[in-house]
Amino acid sequence: MSKIEESVCKKIMMRTKVGKKKYGVTMERGDLSFKEWMTHLSEELMDALVYIEKVITVEEENDC
């Protein structure tokens, strides 16, 4: 495994601990429907788009 992959694995493990502490459940939970899982995914992807747009905006401002 590369150093990059090891870093990703460590970050996943840290996020798992944070999620378990914050929500009290793991991804193995069975209380959400397919639609609810997809809604969670959609919300996470929208957050990611906001982060992307922020970086693009900052880079554009720095180019001027």
N, C-alpha and C. Protein backbone atom coordinates (compact mmCIF):
# COMPACT_ATOMS: atom_id res chain seq x y z
N MET A 1 0.85 -1.18 0.00
CA MET A 1 0.00 0.00 0.00
C MET A 1 0.90 1.24 0.00
N SER A 2 0.49 2.24 -0.77
CA SER A 2 1.28 3.47 -0.84
C SER A 2 1.04 4.34 0.40
N LYS A 3 1.91 5.32 0.59
CA LYS A 3 1.76 6.25 1.71
C LYS A 3 0.44 7.01 1.60
N ILE A 4 0.05 7.34 0.39
CA ILE A 4 -1.20 8.06 0.17
C ILE A 4 -2.38 7.19 0.59
N GLU A 5 -2.36 5.93 0.17
CA GLU A 5 -3.45 5.02 0.55
C GLU A 5 -3.48 4.80 2.06
N GLU A 6 -2.31 4.70 2.68
CA GLU A 6 -2.25 4.55 4.13
C GLU A 6 -2.85 5.78 4.82
N SER A 7 -2.56 6.95 4.29
CA SER A 7 -3.11 8.18 4.84
C SER A 7 -4.63 8.19 4.75
N VAL A 8 -5.16 7.77 3.61
CA VAL A 8 -6.61 7.71 3.43
C VAL A 8 -7.22 6.73 4.43
N CYS A 9 -6.60 5.58 4.60
CA CYS A 9 -7.11 4.58 5.55
C CYS A 9 -7.14 5.13 6.97
N LYS A 10 -6.09 5.83 7.36
CA LYS A 10 -6.03 6.43 8.71
C LYS A 10 -7.14 7.46 8.88
N LYS A 11 -7.36 8.26 7.85
CA LYS A 11 -8.41 9.27 7.93
C LYS A 11 -9.79 8.63 8.02
N ILE A 12 -10.00 7.55 7.30
CA ILE A 12 -11.28 6.83 7.38
C ILE A 12 -11.49 6.30 8.79
N MET A 13 -10.45 5.74 9.38
CA MET A 13 -10.55 5.22 10.75
C MET A 13 -10.88 6.35 11.74
N MET A 14 -10.26 7.51 11.56
CA MET A 14 -10.55 8.64 12.44
C MET A 14 -12.00 9.11 12.27
N ARG A 15 -12.46 9.19 11.02
CA ARG A 15 -13.84 9.61 10.75
C ARG A 15 -14.83 8.61 11.31
N THR A 16 -14.48 7.33 11.27
CA THR A 16 -15.34 6.29 11.83
C THR A 16 -15.54 6.52 13.32
N LYS A 17 -14.46 6.81 14.02
CA LYS A 17 -14.54 7.06 15.47
C LYS A 17 -15.36 8.31 15.76
N VAL A 18 -15.14 9.37 14.99
CA VAL A 18 -15.91 10.60 15.18
C VAL A 18 -17.39 10.35 14.93
N GLY A 19 -17.71 9.65 13.85
CA GLY A 19 -19.10 9.35 13.53
C GLY A 19 -19.78 8.50 14.58
N LYS A 20 -19.08 7.50 15.08
CA LYS A 20 -19.64 6.63 16.12
C LYS A 20 -19.93 7.44 17.38
N LYS A 21 -18.99 8.32 17.75
CA LYS A 21 -19.18 9.15 18.94
C LYS A 21 -20.32 10.15 18.75
N LYS A 22 -20.36 10.77 17.57
CA LYS A 22 -21.36 11.82 17.31
C LYS A 22 -22.76 11.26 17.13
N TYR A 23 -22.89 10.15 16.38
CA TYR A 23 -24.20 9.63 16.04
C TYR A 23 -24.59 8.37 16.80
N GLY A 24 -23.62 7.72 17.43
CA GLY A 24 -23.91 6.53 18.21
C GLY A 24 -24.17 5.28 17.39
N VAL A 25 -23.91 5.34 16.10
CA VAL A 25 -24.12 4.19 15.22
C VAL A 25 -22.98 4.11 14.21
N THR A 26 -22.87 2.96 13.56
CA THR A 26 -21.89 2.79 12.49
C THR A 26 -22.62 2.74 11.16
N MET A 27 -21.87 2.58 10.10
CA MET A 27 -22.48 2.46 8.77
C MET A 27 -23.23 1.14 8.60
N GLU A 28 -23.10 0.26 9.55
CA GLU A 28 -23.81 -1.01 9.49
C GLU A 28 -25.22 -0.90 10.05
N ARG A 29 -25.64 0.30 10.36
CA ARG A 29 -26.98 0.52 10.89
C ARG A 29 -28.02 0.05 9.88
N GLY A 30 -29.17 -0.36 10.38
CA GLY A 30 -30.20 -0.88 9.49
C GLY A 30 -31.49 -0.09 9.55
N ASP A 31 -31.44 1.11 10.12
CA ASP A 31 -32.67 1.87 10.33
C ASP A 31 -32.98 2.88 9.22
N LEU A 32 -32.15 2.95 8.20
CA LEU A 32 -32.39 3.90 7.12
C LEU A 32 -32.81 3.17 5.84
N SER A 33 -33.75 3.78 5.14
CA SER A 33 -34.20 3.23 3.86
C SER A 33 -33.19 3.60 2.77
N PHE A 34 -33.36 3.02 1.61
CA PHE A 34 -32.51 3.36 0.46
C PHE A 34 -32.60 4.86 0.18
N LYS A 35 -33.82 5.38 0.19
CA LYS A 35 -34.02 6.81 -0.08
C LYS A 35 -33.31 7.66 0.97
N GLU A 36 -33.36 7.27 2.22
CA GLU A 36 -32.68 8.03 3.27
C GLU A 36 -31.16 8.01 3.09
N TRP A 37 -30.63 6.85 2.71
CA TRP A 37 -29.18 6.77 2.43
C TRP A 37 -28.82 7.69 1.27
N MET A 38 -29.65 7.68 0.24
CA MET A 38 -29.37 8.52 -0.93
C MET A 38 -29.50 10.00 -0.59
N THR A 39 -30.42 10.34 0.30
CA THR A 39 -30.55 11.72 0.75
C THR A 39 -29.30 12.16 1.50
N HIS A 40 -28.79 11.30 2.39
CA HIS A 40 -27.55 11.61 3.09
C HIS A 40 -26.41 11.82 2.10
N LEU A 41 -26.31 10.94 1.12
CA LEU A 41 -25.26 11.07 0.10
C LEU A 41 -25.40 12.38 -0.67
N SER A 42 -26.61 12.70 -1.06
CA SER A 42 -26.87 13.94 -1.79
C SER A 42 -26.43 15.15 -0.97
N GLU A 43 -26.75 15.14 0.32
CA GLU A 43 -26.35 16.25 1.19
C GLU A 43 -24.83 16.36 1.32
N GLU A 44 -24.17 15.22 1.44
CA GLU A 44 -22.70 15.23 1.52
C GLU A 44 -22.08 15.75 0.23
N LEU A 45 -22.64 15.36 -0.91
CA LEU A 45 -22.11 15.82 -2.19
C LEU A 45 -22.35 17.32 -2.39
N MET A 46 -23.48 17.81 -1.90
CA MET A 46 -23.72 19.26 -1.98
C MET A 46 -22.69 20.00 -1.13
N ASP A 47 -22.39 19.48 0.05
CA ASP A 47 -21.35 20.10 0.88
C ASP A 47 -20.02 20.11 0.12
N ALA A 48 -19.70 19.00 -0.53
CA ALA A 48 -18.44 18.93 -1.28
C ALA A 48 -18.41 19.97 -2.39
N LEU A 49 -19.54 20.17 -3.06
CA LEU A 49 -19.59 21.19 -4.11
C LEU A 49 -19.35 22.59 -3.56
N VAL A 50 -19.84 22.86 -2.36
CA VAL A 50 -19.59 24.16 -1.74
C VAL A 50 -18.10 24.34 -1.50
N TYR A 51 -17.42 23.30 -1.01
CA TYR A 51 -15.98 23.38 -0.78
C TYR A 51 -15.23 23.60 -2.09
N ILE A 52 -15.64 22.90 -3.13
CA ILE A 52 -15.00 23.05 -4.44
C ILE A 52 -15.17 24.48 -4.95
N GLU A 53 -16.38 24.99 -4.85
CA GLU A 53 -16.66 26.34 -5.32
C GLU A 53 -15.84 27.37 -4.54
N LYS A 54 -15.67 27.16 -3.25
CA LYS A 54 -14.85 28.05 -2.43
C LYS A 54 -13.41 28.08 -2.95
N VAL A 55 -12.83 26.92 -3.19
CA VAL A 55 -11.45 26.85 -3.67
C VAL A 55 -11.32 27.50 -5.04
N ILE A 56 -12.27 27.25 -5.92
CA ILE A 56 -12.24 27.86 -7.25
C ILE A 56 -12.30 29.38 -7.13
N THR A 57 -13.18 29.88 -6.28
CA THR A 57 -13.33 31.32 -6.09
C THR A 57 -12.05 31.95 -5.56
N VAL A 58 -11.45 31.32 -4.58
CA VAL A 58 -10.19 31.83 -4.02
C VAL A 58 -9.10 31.84 -5.08
N GLU A 59 -9.00 30.77 -5.86
CA GLU A 59 -7.99 30.70 -6.91
C GLU A 59 -8.21 31.78 -7.96
N GLU A 60 -9.47 32.02 -8.33
CA GLU A 60 -9.77 33.07 -9.31
C GLU A 60 -9.39 34.45 -8.77
N GLU A 61 -9.66 34.67 -7.49
CA GLU A 61 -9.31 35.95 -6.87
C GLU A 61 -7.79 36.13 -6.82
N ASN A 62 -7.06 35.06 -6.60
CA ASN A 62 -5.60 35.12 -6.54
C ASN A 62 -4.98 35.35 -7.92
N ASP A 63 -5.68 34.93 -8.97
CA ASP A 63 -5.18 35.10 -10.33
C ASP A 63 -5.30 36.55 -10.82
N CYS A 64 -6.15 37.33 -10.19
CA CYS A 64 -6.38 38.72 -10.64
C CYS A 64 -5.33 39.66 -10.12
